[in-house]
Amino acid sequence: MNDHSPINSSRRRALKVAAAGLGTLAAPAVLQYARAQSKRIVVRDDGGIYTKAYSAVYYKPFTEKTGIEVVGVQANAEPVAQIRSMVETRNYTWDMAKISQPAILLLTQGGKVYLEKHGLEGDATIKTIPAHFMSPYGVGTNVYSTVLAYRTDAFKGRKAPSSWADFWNVKDFPGRRALRKHPFDTLEESLMAAGTATSALYPLNIDQAIANLEKIKANVDVWWNSGAQVEQMLKSGEVDMVATWVSRAQSAAASGAQVGIVWNQNLWGVDNWSILAGTPNAQACREFIKFASDPKRMASLVEYFPAGVTQPDAFKYIKPEVAKNCPTHPDNIKSGVQINAKYWLDNQAAVMEKFNGWILK
């Protein structure tokens, strides 16, 4: 899907101008402008509200400024296999992708590296992004959180849950419960419910986590598999409390559902802009990443959803009543814990086998 058309007339003219020996400052500027007129980049994003927001805030304005067309392509699953295939075949359906830190590790550990080093650490815009949102192969663009959400109408007149221990406390907090049918997040929640401090969560004590899950297993009414399923359950009132990605709880609330969110002990991770290794459009991708990392521009995302902005200065442009719903608001992130991507990279297969064996009993 990359532009392999012959050099167009504007670029020919630019090359002739450069060859004619115009000033060293003018020629690169002309060349850069000419290249922009014939470029496009394809960006993988999460679809839905992300595509809508990114199109309005990032894609279209970037094209208007640079002449580089940005095409957003939806892919809902973590696209590690697709990226590997594109890089190995050098058939680039995408030039860059919005992916998680665990995905970055999967694509850069071992013999072959499937992502480009962005090399933007020293850029004036990028260097204000905190280090824990960054890696050599990814620039943090959005923080996502897993939280405890509950139907406020189900707890009307009684105390609502405020921790994972409360979720596990079926005596004092009766109601229909739902957990994710996957060890990611679920094991961390179980350990925090059992009293493990967020600072001591990793490496996970798998046996303890599963033993604590066993205590509540009979009271879990739904083991969910998708965010859409969670959103529907919150809207319909099928469950009273659920461990979920905060975006789904917020989306249900925006649709009119009576939903409360517990930020205490939230689990958060980072989505990154990453460039596919070998794409001929890598430099255009870097320009896009710098453009999309501007704090004021990033703040505009909250017009569409409570974004987990990675630029601290973005909060200067976000109203306080909106900011309190963002995963990276200081109050929210300080009460949570970062998902340990390296732990899951090293232990995923063994933990999955153990968890799946337990849940099928």
Protein backbone atom coordinates (compact mmCIF):
# COMPACT_ATOMS: atom_id res chain seq x y z
CA MET A 1 0.00 0.00 0.00
CA ASN A 2 3.07 2.28 -0.15
CA ASP A 3 3.50 4.79 -2.94
CA HIS A 4 5.86 3.23 -5.50
CA SER A 5 4.84 5.56 -8.35
CA PRO A 6 7.55 7.17 -10.53
CA ILE A 7 9.09 10.37 -9.25
CA ASN A 8 6.52 13.07 -9.94
CA SER A 9 7.22 16.33 -11.68
CA SER A 10 7.45 18.39 -8.50
CA ARG A 11 10.12 16.09 -7.13
CA ARG A 12 12.04 16.20 -10.45
CA ARG A 13 11.97 19.98 -10.29
CA ALA A 14 13.19 19.88 -6.69
CA LEU A 15 16.07 17.60 -7.62
CA LYS A 16 17.06 19.90 -10.49
CA VAL A 17 16.98 22.90 -8.17
CA ALA A 18 19.14 21.08 -5.65
CA ALA A 19 21.56 19.97 -8.36
CA ALA A 20 21.81 23.51 -9.62
CA GLY A 21 23.50 24.39 -6.36
CA LEU A 22 21.02 26.61 -4.60
CA GLY A 23 21.89 27.51 -1.01
CA THR A 24 22.42 24.57 1.33
CA LEU A 25 19.55 25.74 3.52
CA ALA A 26 17.03 26.11 0.70
CA ALA A 27 17.60 22.81 -1.10
CA PRO A 28 16.77 20.43 1.77
CA ALA A 29 13.61 22.42 2.50
CA VAL A 30 12.47 22.13 -1.13
CA LEU A 31 13.28 18.43 -1.19
CA GLN A 32 11.42 17.82 2.05
CA TYR A 33 8.37 19.62 0.70
CA ALA A 34 8.50 17.67 -2.56
CA ARG A 35 8.79 14.33 -0.79
CA ALA A 36 5.81 15.22 1.36
CA GLN A 37 3.65 15.72 -1.72
CA SER A 38 4.12 12.11 -2.84
CA LYS A 39 4.08 10.34 0.55
CA ARG A 40 1.55 8.52 2.59
CA ILE A 41 1.78 6.42 5.72
CA VAL A 42 -0.56 3.69 6.91
CA VAL A 43 -1.09 3.51 10.67
CA ARG A 44 -2.63 0.60 12.56
CA ASP A 45 -4.90 1.73 15.38
CA ASP A 46 -7.57 0.15 17.58
CA GLY A 47 -10.61 1.18 15.57
CA GLY A 48 -13.84 2.55 16.99
CA ILE A 49 -13.53 5.74 19.01
CA TYR A 50 -9.72 5.69 18.58
CA THR A 51 -9.92 5.88 14.78
CA LYS A 52 -12.54 8.63 14.99
CA ALA A 53 -10.50 10.67 17.47
CA TYR A 54 -7.14 10.09 15.79
CA SER A 55 -8.53 11.03 12.37
CA ALA A 56 -9.77 14.36 13.69
CA VAL A 57 -6.90 15.20 16.02
CA TYR A 58 -3.86 13.62 14.30
CA TYR A 59 -4.38 12.18 10.82
CA LYS A 60 -6.19 14.99 8.97
CA PRO A 61 -4.31 17.90 10.57
CA PHE A 62 -0.96 16.20 9.85
CA THR A 63 -1.90 15.77 6.20
CA GLU A 64 -2.98 19.40 5.98
CA LYS A 65 0.32 20.54 7.48
CA THR A 66 2.74 18.28 5.59
CA GLY A 67 0.96 16.90 2.53
CA ILE A 68 1.67 13.39 3.83
CA GLU A 69 -1.53 11.38 3.73
CA VAL A 70 -2.26 9.29 6.81
CA VAL A 71 -4.46 6.22 6.45
CA GLY A 72 -5.75 4.66 9.65
CA VAL A 73 -6.30 0.90 9.50
CA GLN A 74 -8.25 -0.87 12.21
CA ALA A 75 -6.92 -4.04 13.83
CA ASN A 76 -8.44 -5.01 17.15
CA ALA A 77 -6.12 -7.81 18.24
CA GLU A 78 -2.48 -7.25 19.27
CA PRO A 79 -0.99 -7.53 15.77
CA VAL A 80 2.37 -9.17 16.48
CA ALA A 81 1.96 -11.91 13.85
CA GLN A 82 0.89 -9.46 11.14
CA ILE A 83 3.87 -7.18 11.79
CA ARG A 84 6.30 -10.09 11.68
CA SER A 85 4.84 -11.23 8.37
CA MET A 86 5.01 -7.76 6.81
CA VAL A 87 8.64 -7.24 7.82
CA GLU A 88 9.76 -10.72 6.73
CA THR A 89 8.08 -10.43 3.32
CA ARG A 90 8.85 -6.70 3.01
CA ASN A 91 5.22 -6.29 1.95
CA TYR A 92 4.13 -3.37 4.11
CA THR A 93 0.38 -3.08 4.52
CA TRP A 94 1.20 -0.75 7.44
CA ASP A 95 4.13 1.58 8.06
CA MET A 96 3.58 1.99 11.79
CA ALA A 97 1.28 0.74 14.51
CA LYS A 98 -0.17 1.65 17.88
CA ILE A 99 0.86 -1.32 20.03
CA SER A 100 1.44 -2.19 23.68
CA GLN A 101 4.76 -2.54 25.51
CA PRO A 102 4.41 -6.37 25.70
CA ALA A 103 3.96 -6.41 21.91
CA ILE A 104 7.09 -4.29 21.49
CA LEU A 105 9.08 -6.76 23.57
CA LEU A 106 7.75 -9.70 21.52
CA LEU A 107 8.84 -7.90 18.34
CA THR A 108 12.32 -6.89 19.52
CA GLN A 109 13.56 -9.74 21.73
CA GLY A 110 15.54 -12.58 20.20
CA GLY A 111 17.35 -12.86 16.90
CA LYS A 112 15.28 -10.68 14.59
CA VAL A 113 14.01 -7.20 15.35
CA TYR A 114 10.77 -6.24 13.62
CA LEU A 115 10.60 -2.57 14.66
CA GLU A 116 12.73 0.48 13.85
CA LYS A 117 14.43 2.42 16.60
CA HIS A 118 12.67 5.76 16.47
CA GLY A 119 15.71 7.75 17.67
CA LEU A 120 13.50 10.60 18.89
CA GLU A 121 14.63 10.69 22.53
CA GLY A 122 16.37 14.02 22.03
CA ASP A 123 13.53 15.69 20.14
CA ALA A 124 12.20 18.77 21.95
CA THR A 125 8.61 17.48 21.96
CA ILE A 126 9.32 13.82 22.69
CA LYS A 127 11.80 14.30 25.54
CA THR A 128 9.09 15.64 27.88
CA ILE A 129 7.27 12.27 27.79
CA PRO A 130 8.19 10.42 31.03
CA ALA A 131 10.70 7.60 30.64
CA HIS A 132 8.29 4.89 31.86
CA PHE A 133 6.07 5.66 28.84
CA MET A 134 9.00 5.21 26.43
CA SER A 135 11.29 2.60 24.88
CA PRO A 136 13.81 2.70 22.02
CA TYR A 137 11.16 1.12 19.77
CA GLY A 138 8.07 2.96 20.96
CA VAL A 139 6.89 6.45 21.86
CA GLY A 140 4.13 6.31 24.47
CA THR A 141 0.89 7.77 23.15
CA ASN A 142 -1.88 6.43 25.38
CA VAL A 143 -2.13 4.79 28.79
CA TYR A 144 -4.92 2.26 29.30
CA SER A 145 -6.13 1.05 32.69
CA THR A 146 -7.95 -1.94 34.12
CA VAL A 147 -10.26 -0.93 36.94
CA LEU A 148 -13.10 -2.16 39.11
CA ALA A 149 -16.37 -0.81 37.71
CA TYR A 150 -19.79 -1.18 39.25
CA ARG A 151 -23.42 -0.25 38.68
CA THR A 152 -24.17 2.64 41.02
CA ASP A 153 -27.87 1.78 41.08
CA ALA A 154 -27.03 -1.72 42.39
CA PHE A 155 -25.31 -0.12 45.41
CA LYS A 156 -27.85 2.61 46.07
CA GLY A 157 -28.30 2.99 49.82
CA ARG A 158 -25.33 0.77 50.67
CA LYS A 159 -21.56 0.95 50.57
CA ALA A 160 -20.04 0.55 47.11
CA PRO A 161 -16.82 -1.44 46.50
CA SER A 162 -13.58 0.54 46.62
CA SER A 163 -10.87 -2.14 46.26
CA TRP A 164 -10.23 -5.62 44.91
CA ALA A 165 -10.65 -6.92 48.45
CA ASP A 166 -14.21 -5.58 48.33
CA PHE A 167 -14.80 -7.35 45.01
CA TRP A 168 -13.71 -10.61 46.67
CA ASN A 169 -15.87 -9.90 49.75
CA VAL A 170 -19.13 -11.54 48.71
CA LYS A 171 -20.63 -11.27 52.22
CA ASP A 172 -20.46 -7.49 52.57
CA PHE A 173 -20.70 -6.70 48.85
CA PRO A 174 -23.26 -9.10 47.38
CA GLY A 175 -24.04 -8.85 43.67
CA ARG A 176 -23.37 -10.37 40.27
CA ARG A 177 -19.67 -10.37 39.41
CA ALA A 178 -17.61 -10.68 36.24
CA LEU A 179 -13.88 -11.29 35.70
CA ARG A 180 -11.78 -11.57 32.57
CA LYS A 181 -11.28 -15.13 31.35
CA HIS A 182 -7.55 -14.58 30.99
CA PRO A 183 -4.63 -14.48 33.44
CA PHE A 184 -3.59 -10.95 32.36
CA ASP A 185 -4.84 -8.53 35.03
CA THR A 186 -6.98 -11.22 36.67
CA LEU A 187 -4.06 -12.71 38.61
CA GLU A 188 -2.83 -9.28 39.65
CA GLU A 189 -6.33 -8.40 40.90
CA SER A 190 -6.50 -11.62 42.88
CA LEU A 191 -3.18 -10.94 44.59
CA MET A 192 -4.12 -7.37 45.49
CA ALA A 193 -7.42 -8.68 46.87
CA ALA A 194 -5.39 -11.06 49.04
CA GLY A 195 -3.40 -8.15 50.44
CA THR A 196 -0.30 -7.99 48.21
CA ALA A 197 0.95 -4.40 47.94
CA THR A 198 1.14 -2.91 44.46
CA SER A 199 4.87 -2.40 44.95
CA ALA A 200 5.36 -6.12 45.66
CA LEU A 201 3.11 -7.52 42.93
CA TYR A 202 5.83 -8.84 40.60
CA PRO A 203 6.96 -11.51 40.16
CA LEU A 204 3.43 -12.85 40.57
CA ASN A 205 2.80 -15.57 43.14
CA ILE A 206 0.73 -17.72 40.78
CA ASP A 207 -0.23 -20.35 43.34
CA GLN A 208 -1.48 -17.71 45.77
CA ALA A 209 -3.37 -15.88 43.02
CA ILE A 210 -5.16 -19.03 41.88
CA ALA A 211 -5.90 -20.09 45.46
CA ASN A 212 -7.56 -16.74 46.05
CA LEU A 213 -9.49 -17.00 42.78
CA GLU A 214 -10.73 -20.40 43.94
CA LYS A 215 -12.38 -18.67 46.91
CA ILE A 216 -14.53 -16.55 44.62
CA LYS A 217 -14.94 -18.86 41.62
CA ALA A 218 -18.47 -19.97 42.55
CA ASN A 219 -19.53 -16.33 42.83
CA VAL A 220 -18.24 -15.22 39.43
CA ASP A 221 -21.34 -15.11 37.24
CA VAL A 222 -19.58 -14.21 33.99
CA TRP A 223 -16.05 -14.83 32.72
CA TRP A 224 -15.79 -12.29 29.92
CA ASN A 225 -13.73 -12.45 26.75
CA SER A 226 -14.18 -9.07 25.05
CA GLY A 227 -14.54 -5.40 25.90
CA ALA A 228 -17.77 -5.20 23.91
CA GLN A 229 -19.22 -7.91 26.15
CA VAL A 230 -18.31 -5.90 29.27
CA GLU A 231 -19.85 -2.75 27.88
CA GLN A 232 -23.10 -4.53 27.10
CA MET A 233 -23.25 -6.13 30.56
CA LEU A 234 -22.81 -2.75 32.26
CA LYS A 235 -25.46 -1.17 30.05
CA SER A 236 -28.00 -3.94 30.63
CA GLY A 237 -27.28 -4.35 34.34
CA GLU A 238 -26.43 -8.02 33.83
CA VAL A 239 -23.58 -7.59 36.32
CA ASP A 240 -23.22 -5.35 39.35
CA MET A 241 -19.42 -5.21 39.37
CA VAL A 242 -16.72 -6.16 36.89
CA ALA A 243 -12.98 -5.98 36.36
CA THR A 244 -12.65 -4.14 33.05
CA TRP A 245 -10.67 -1.80 30.85
CA VAL A 246 -11.70 1.67 31.97
CA SER A 247 -12.53 2.76 28.41
CA ARG A 248 -15.37 0.22 28.32
CA ALA A 249 -16.80 1.39 31.64
CA GLN A 250 -16.57 5.01 30.48
CA SER A 251 -18.21 4.17 27.17
CA ALA A 252 -21.10 2.45 28.98
CA ALA A 253 -21.47 5.50 31.23
CA ALA A 254 -21.44 7.82 28.21
CA SER A 255 -24.33 5.77 26.80
CA GLY A 256 -26.37 6.44 29.91
CA ALA A 257 -25.50 3.47 32.14
CA GLN A 258 -25.15 4.22 35.86
CA VAL A 259 -21.52 3.23 36.27
CA GLY A 260 -18.98 4.01 39.00
CA ILE A 261 -15.23 3.55 38.55
CA VAL A 262 -12.71 2.60 41.23
CA TRP A 263 -9.26 3.94 40.35
CA ASN A 264 -7.71 2.50 43.51
CA GLN A 265 -5.33 -0.38 42.58
CA ASN A 266 -5.83 0.12 38.84
CA LEU A 267 -3.48 -1.73 36.50
CA TRP A 268 -2.08 0.37 33.71
CA GLY A 269 -0.10 -0.19 30.54
CA VAL A 270 1.15 1.93 27.65
CA ASP A 271 0.26 1.96 23.98
CA ASN A 272 3.06 3.20 21.74
CA TRP A 273 3.64 4.53 18.27
CA SER A 274 6.05 2.01 16.71
CA ILE A 275 7.56 1.94 13.23
CA LEU A 276 7.84 -1.32 11.28
CA ALA A 277 11.43 -2.28 10.51
CA GLY A 278 12.38 -1.63 6.91
CA THR A 279 9.40 0.47 5.89
CA PRO A 280 10.49 2.99 3.23
CA ASN A 281 8.34 5.60 4.99
CA ALA A 282 10.10 5.50 8.36
CA GLN A 283 11.10 9.17 8.30
CA ALA A 284 7.55 10.28 7.54
CA CYS A 285 6.43 8.12 10.47
CA ARG A 286 8.87 9.94 12.74
CA GLU A 287 7.47 13.28 11.63
CA PHE A 288 3.98 12.02 12.40
CA ILE A 289 5.00 10.79 15.87
CA LYS A 290 6.47 14.20 16.71
CA PHE A 291 3.31 15.91 15.48
CA ALA A 292 1.03 13.57 17.48
CA SER A 293 3.10 14.02 20.65
CA ASP A 294 2.43 17.74 21.01
CA PRO A 295 0.82 18.23 24.46
CA LYS A 296 -1.89 20.63 23.30
CA ARG A 297 -2.82 18.42 20.37
CA MET A 298 -2.85 15.33 22.59
CA ALA A 299 -5.17 17.14 25.00
CA SER A 300 -7.72 17.53 22.20
CA LEU A 301 -8.39 13.78 22.36
CA VAL A 302 -10.53 14.29 25.47
CA GLU A 303 -13.22 15.76 23.22
CA TYR A 304 -13.77 12.13 22.16
CA PHE A 305 -12.82 10.02 25.20
CA PRO A 306 -10.93 10.45 28.53
CA ALA A 307 -7.54 9.76 26.98
CA GLY A 308 -4.55 8.49 28.94
CA VAL A 309 -2.36 11.33 27.69
CA THR A 310 1.36 10.68 28.05
CA GLN A 311 2.48 14.32 28.03
CA PRO A 312 2.19 15.80 31.54
CA ASP A 313 1.73 19.26 30.03
CA ALA A 314 -1.39 18.06 28.20
CA PHE A 315 -3.28 18.48 31.47
CA LYS A 316 -2.76 22.25 31.20
CA TYR A 317 -5.31 22.16 28.37
CA ILE A 318 -7.81 19.71 29.90
CA LYS A 319 -10.64 20.84 32.17
CA PRO A 320 -10.27 19.46 35.73
CA GLU A 321 -13.63 17.69 35.64
CA VAL A 322 -12.50 15.83 32.51
CA ALA A 323 -8.92 15.27 33.67
CA LYS A 324 -10.06 13.31 36.74
CA ASN A 325 -11.34 10.60 34.37
CA CYS A 326 -8.03 10.21 32.52
CA PRO A 327 -5.85 7.19 33.42
CA THR A 328 -2.75 9.39 33.64
CA HIS A 329 -4.24 11.98 35.96
CA PRO A 330 -1.74 12.11 38.86
CA ASP A 331 -4.31 10.94 41.40
CA ASN A 332 -5.26 7.94 39.26
CA ILE A 333 -1.83 6.74 38.23
CA LYS A 334 -0.30 7.06 41.72
CA SER A 335 -2.92 4.67 43.14
CA GLY A 336 -2.24 2.07 40.45
CA VAL A 337 0.56 -0.21 39.28
CA GLN A 338 2.20 -0.55 35.89
CA ILE A 339 1.72 -3.92 34.21
CA ASN A 340 5.11 -5.62 34.05
CA ALA A 341 5.52 -6.35 30.34
CA LYS A 342 8.83 -8.18 30.80
CA TYR A 343 7.29 -10.52 33.37
CA TRP A 344 4.49 -11.49 31.01
CA LEU A 345 6.88 -11.90 28.08
CA ASP A 346 8.94 -14.39 30.08
CA ASN A 347 6.09 -16.24 31.80
CA GLN A 348 3.03 -16.00 29.57
CA ALA A 349 2.98 -19.57 28.21
CA ALA A 350 3.42 -21.31 31.57
CA VAL A 351 0.95 -19.05 33.37
CA MET A 352 -1.65 -19.39 30.61
CA GLU A 353 -1.44 -23.18 30.85
CA LYS A 354 -1.86 -23.13 34.61
CA PHE A 355 -4.72 -20.61 34.57
CA ASN A 356 -6.62 -22.38 31.80
CA GLY A 357 -6.21 -25.70 33.57
CA TRP A 358 -7.68 -24.20 36.73
CA ILE A 359 -10.62 -22.44 35.10
CA LEU A 360 -11.69 -25.62 33.27
CA LYS A 361 -11.90 -27.64 36.51
